[in-house]
Amino acid sequence: MLTLTPQARAIAALLLGFAYVTGSMSSIGIYFMLAITRLHYVTNRGTNEGIDVVMLLVGTAILLLGARSARGLADSWPRWVAQAGQLLALAGLVITLVTLLAAVAGRTDVGFSTGIAL
């Protein structure tokens, strides 16, 4: 079993939050939905919504990682790093919610699920 120190969890939350906000983790949602639907292209409206729901779950996991690591730390740099990771994950969750609303409304030109060549 892999055990991380609180400082390592804080750094991981920051880096994962940054990757989440920049869209580098969007392939998780895309490949998950491709495995479920067996479609070769992400063009189906339900697939776009599914990708955004998976990305909401990923963002929530990152937010919880940052909260868990910040809770046990004293007021020093590791806590600030964990809180920055929480802030990035929260910003990513807002972006994902907006793209989910756009997918529900029928817009397919915004969000994590566009612009990626498979």
C-alpha atoms as a PDB file:
ATOM      1  CA  MET A   1       0.000   0.000   0.000  1.00  0.00           C
ATOM      2  CA  LEU A   2       1.285   3.420  -0.937  1.00  0.00           C
ATOM      3  CA  THR A   3       1.271   5.926   1.887  1.00  0.00           C
ATOM      4  CA  LEU A   4       1.916   9.574   1.167  1.00  0.00           C
ATOM      5  CA  THR A   5       3.088  12.178   3.609  1.00  0.00           C
ATOM      6  CA  PRO A   6       0.793  15.173   4.062  1.00  0.00           C
ATOM      7  CA  GLN A   7       3.267  17.318   2.128  1.00  0.00           C
ATOM      8  CA  ALA A   8       3.248  14.865  -0.785  1.00  0.00           C
ATOM      9  CA  ARG A   9      -0.577  14.822  -0.798  1.00  0.00           C
ATOM     10  CA  ALA A  10      -0.575  18.626  -0.873  1.00  0.00           C
ATOM     11  CA  ILE A  11       1.794  18.739  -3.847  1.00  0.00           C
ATOM     12  CA  ALA A  12      -0.211  16.015  -5.613  1.00  0.00           C
ATOM     13  CA  ALA A  13      -3.432  17.985  -5.092  1.00  0.00           C
ATOM     14  CA  LEU A  14      -1.826  21.094  -6.585  1.00  0.00           C
ATOM     15  CA  LEU A  15      -0.433  19.300  -9.629  1.00  0.00           C
ATOM     16  CA  LEU A  16      -3.627  17.317 -10.259  1.00  0.00           C
ATOM     17  CA  GLY A  17      -5.694  20.500  -9.853  1.00  0.00           C
ATOM     18  CA  PHE A  18      -3.511  22.261 -12.399  1.00  0.00           C
ATOM     19  CA  ALA A  19      -3.794  19.361 -14.853  1.00  0.00           C
ATOM     20  CA  TYR A  20      -7.561  19.336 -14.326  1.00  0.00           C
ATOM     21  CA  VAL A  21      -8.018  23.057 -14.993  1.00  0.00           C
ATOM     22  CA  THR A  22      -5.852  23.027 -18.104  1.00  0.00           C
ATOM     23  CA  GLY A  23      -7.811  20.111 -19.570  1.00  0.00           C
ATOM     24  CA  SER A  24      -4.913  17.673 -19.532  1.00  0.00           C
ATOM     25  CA  MET A  25      -7.032  15.111 -17.705  1.00  0.00           C
ATOM     26  CA  SER A  26      -9.940  15.209 -20.138  1.00  0.00           C
ATOM     27  CA  SER A  27      -8.754  12.015 -21.784  1.00  0.00           C
ATOM     28  CA  ILE A  28      -9.897  10.138 -18.664  1.00  0.00           C
ATOM     29  CA  GLY A  29     -13.510  11.039 -19.370  1.00  0.00           C
ATOM     30  CA  ILE A  30     -13.170  10.555 -23.108  1.00  0.00           C
ATOM     31  CA  TYR A  31     -11.654   7.084 -22.926  1.00  0.00           C
ATOM     32  CA  PHE A  32     -14.059   6.027 -20.198  1.00  0.00           C
ATOM     33  CA  MET A  33     -17.031   6.937 -22.383  1.00  0.00           C
ATOM     34  CA  LEU A  34     -15.406   5.363 -25.443  1.00  0.00           C
ATOM     35  CA  ALA A  35     -15.019   2.121 -23.505  1.00  0.00           C
ATOM     36  CA  ILE A  36     -18.664   2.192 -22.453  1.00  0.00           C
ATOM     37  CA  THR A  37     -20.287   3.262 -25.708  1.00  0.00           C
ATOM     38  CA  ARG A  38     -17.753   1.677 -28.106  1.00  0.00           C
ATOM     39  CA  LEU A  39     -18.024   4.701 -30.380  1.00  0.00           C
ATOM     40  CA  HIS A  40     -14.951   5.698 -32.338  1.00  0.00           C
ATOM     41  CA  TYR A  41     -15.741   9.392 -32.312  1.00  0.00           C
ATOM     42  CA  VAL A  42     -17.136  11.496 -29.526  1.00  0.00           C
ATOM     43  CA  THR A  43     -20.030  13.013 -31.429  1.00  0.00           C
ATOM     44  CA  ASN A  44     -23.088  11.714 -29.639  1.00  0.00           C
ATOM     45  CA  ARG A  45     -24.858  14.205 -27.378  1.00  0.00           C
ATOM     46  CA  GLY A  46     -25.140  11.708 -24.536  1.00  0.00           C
ATOM     47  CA  THR A  47     -21.447  10.929 -24.833  1.00  0.00           C
ATOM     48  CA  ASN A  48     -20.522  14.588 -24.315  1.00  0.00           C
ATOM     49  CA  GLU A  49     -22.705  14.744 -21.235  1.00  0.00           C
ATOM     50  CA  GLY A  50     -21.194  11.495 -19.952  1.00  0.00           C
ATOM     51  CA  ILE A  51     -17.672  12.844 -20.388  1.00  0.00           C
ATOM     52  CA  ASP A  52     -18.567  15.915 -18.355  1.00  0.00           C
ATOM     53  CA  VAL A  53     -20.103  13.790 -15.586  1.00  0.00           C
ATOM     54  CA  VAL A  54     -16.944  11.652 -15.403  1.00  0.00           C
ATOM     55  CA  MET A  55     -14.863  14.831 -15.264  1.00  0.00           C
ATOM     56  CA  LEU A  56     -17.049  16.114 -12.417  1.00  0.00           C
ATOM     57  CA  LEU A  57     -16.218  12.957 -10.476  1.00  0.00           C
ATOM     58  CA  VAL A  58     -12.497  13.386 -11.199  1.00  0.00           C
ATOM     59  CA  GLY A  59     -12.616  17.024 -10.073  1.00  0.00           C
ATOM     60  CA  THR A  60     -14.469  16.099  -6.901  1.00  0.00           C
ATOM     61  CA  ALA A  61     -11.816  13.493  -6.099  1.00  0.00           C
ATOM     62  CA  ILE A  62      -9.067  16.085  -6.544  1.00  0.00           C
ATOM     63  CA  LEU A  63     -10.974  18.547  -4.360  1.00  0.00           C
ATOM     64  CA  LEU A  64     -11.327  15.930  -1.626  1.00  0.00           C
ATOM     65  CA  LEU A  65      -7.617  15.069  -1.867  1.00  0.00           C
ATOM     66  CA  GLY A  66      -6.740  18.729  -1.344  1.00  0.00           C
ATOM     67  CA  ALA A  67      -9.185  19.062   1.551  1.00  0.00           C
ATOM     68  CA  ARG A  68      -7.883  15.933   3.241  1.00  0.00           C
ATOM     69  CA  SER A  69      -4.271  17.010   2.947  1.00  0.00           C
ATOM     70  CA  ALA A  70      -4.952  20.585   4.102  1.00  0.00           C
ATOM     71  CA  ARG A  71      -6.911  19.473   7.151  1.00  0.00           C
ATOM     72  CA  GLY A  72      -4.021  17.795   8.934  1.00  0.00           C
ATOM     73  CA  LEU A  73      -1.368  20.422   8.297  1.00  0.00           C
ATOM     74  CA  ALA A  74      -0.212  23.373  10.337  1.00  0.00           C
ATOM     75  CA  ASP A  75      -0.304  26.865   8.853  1.00  0.00           C
ATOM     76  CA  SER A  76       2.766  26.551   6.631  1.00  0.00           C
ATOM     77  CA  TRP A  77       3.668  26.073   2.974  1.00  0.00           C
ATOM     78  CA  PRO A  78       2.245  22.530   2.613  1.00  0.00           C
ATOM     79  CA  ARG A  79      -1.164  23.752   3.755  1.00  0.00           C
ATOM     80  CA  TRP A  80      -1.024  26.685   1.366  1.00  0.00           C
ATOM     81  CA  VAL A  81      -0.080  24.357  -1.486  1.00  0.00           C
ATOM     82  CA  ALA A  82      -3.011  22.063  -0.635  1.00  0.00           C
ATOM     83  CA  GLN A  83      -5.367  25.043  -0.512  1.00  0.00           C
ATOM     84  CA  ALA A  84      -4.100  26.192  -3.903  1.00  0.00           C
ATOM     85  CA  GLY A  85      -4.851  22.701  -5.221  1.00  0.00           C
ATOM     86  CA  GLN A  86      -8.357  22.994  -3.794  1.00  0.00           C
ATOM     87  CA  LEU A  87      -8.817  26.339  -5.500  1.00  0.00           C
ATOM     88  CA  LEU A  88      -7.687  24.935  -8.851  1.00  0.00           C
ATOM     89  CA  ALA A  89      -9.975  21.917  -8.486  1.00  0.00           C
ATOM     90  CA  LEU A  90     -12.891  24.197  -7.621  1.00  0.00           C
ATOM     91  CA  ALA A  91     -12.207  26.335 -10.689  1.00  0.00           C
ATOM     92  CA  GLY A  92     -12.089  23.172 -12.804  1.00  0.00           C
ATOM     93  CA  LEU A  93     -15.399  22.021 -11.337  1.00  0.00           C
ATOM     94  CA  VAL A  94     -17.000  25.330 -12.309  1.00  0.00           C
ATOM     95  CA  ILE A  95     -15.654  24.974 -15.856  1.00  0.00           C
ATOM     96  CA  THR A  96     -16.955  21.402 -16.025  1.00  0.00           C
ATOM     97  CA  LEU A  97     -20.390  22.457 -14.769  1.00  0.00           C
ATOM     98  CA  VAL A  98     -20.586  25.128 -17.460  1.00  0.00           C
ATOM     99  CA  THR A  99     -19.630  22.630 -20.158  1.00  0.00           C
ATOM    100  CA  LEU A 100     -22.166  20.144 -18.796  1.00  0.00           C
ATOM    101  CA  LEU A 101     -24.880  22.782 -19.007  1.00  0.00           C
ATOM    102  CA  ALA A 102     -23.774  23.558 -22.555  1.00  0.00           C
ATOM    103  CA  ALA A 103     -23.911  19.855 -23.458  1.00  0.00           C
ATOM    104  CA  VAL A 104     -27.407  19.539 -22.002  1.00  0.00           C
ATOM    105  CA  ALA A 105     -28.465  22.613 -23.974  1.00  0.00           C
ATOM    106  CA  GLY A 106     -27.179  20.989 -27.162  1.00  0.00           C
ATOM    107  CA  ARG A 107     -24.020  23.022 -27.728  1.00  0.00           C
ATOM    108  CA  THR A 108     -21.178  20.756 -28.790  1.00  0.00           C
ATOM    109  CA  ASP A 109     -18.556  23.379 -29.581  1.00  0.00           C
ATOM    110  CA  VAL A 110     -17.482  23.999 -25.961  1.00  0.00           C
ATOM    111  CA  GLY A 111     -16.015  21.922 -23.199  1.00  0.00           C
ATOM    112  CA  PHE A 112     -13.600  19.147 -22.458  1.00  0.00           C
ATOM    113  CA  SER A 113     -15.064  16.926 -25.149  1.00  0.00           C
ATOM    114  CA  THR A 114     -14.161  19.011 -28.208  1.00  0.00           C
ATOM    115  CA  GLY A 115     -10.987  19.654 -30.097  1.00  0.00           C
ATOM    116  CA  ILE A 116      -9.413  16.314 -29.337  1.00  0.00           C
ATOM    117  CA  ALA A 117      -8.410  14.111 -32.240  1.00  0.00           C
ATOM    118  CA  LEU A 118      -8.888  10.441 -31.494  1.00  0.00           C
END
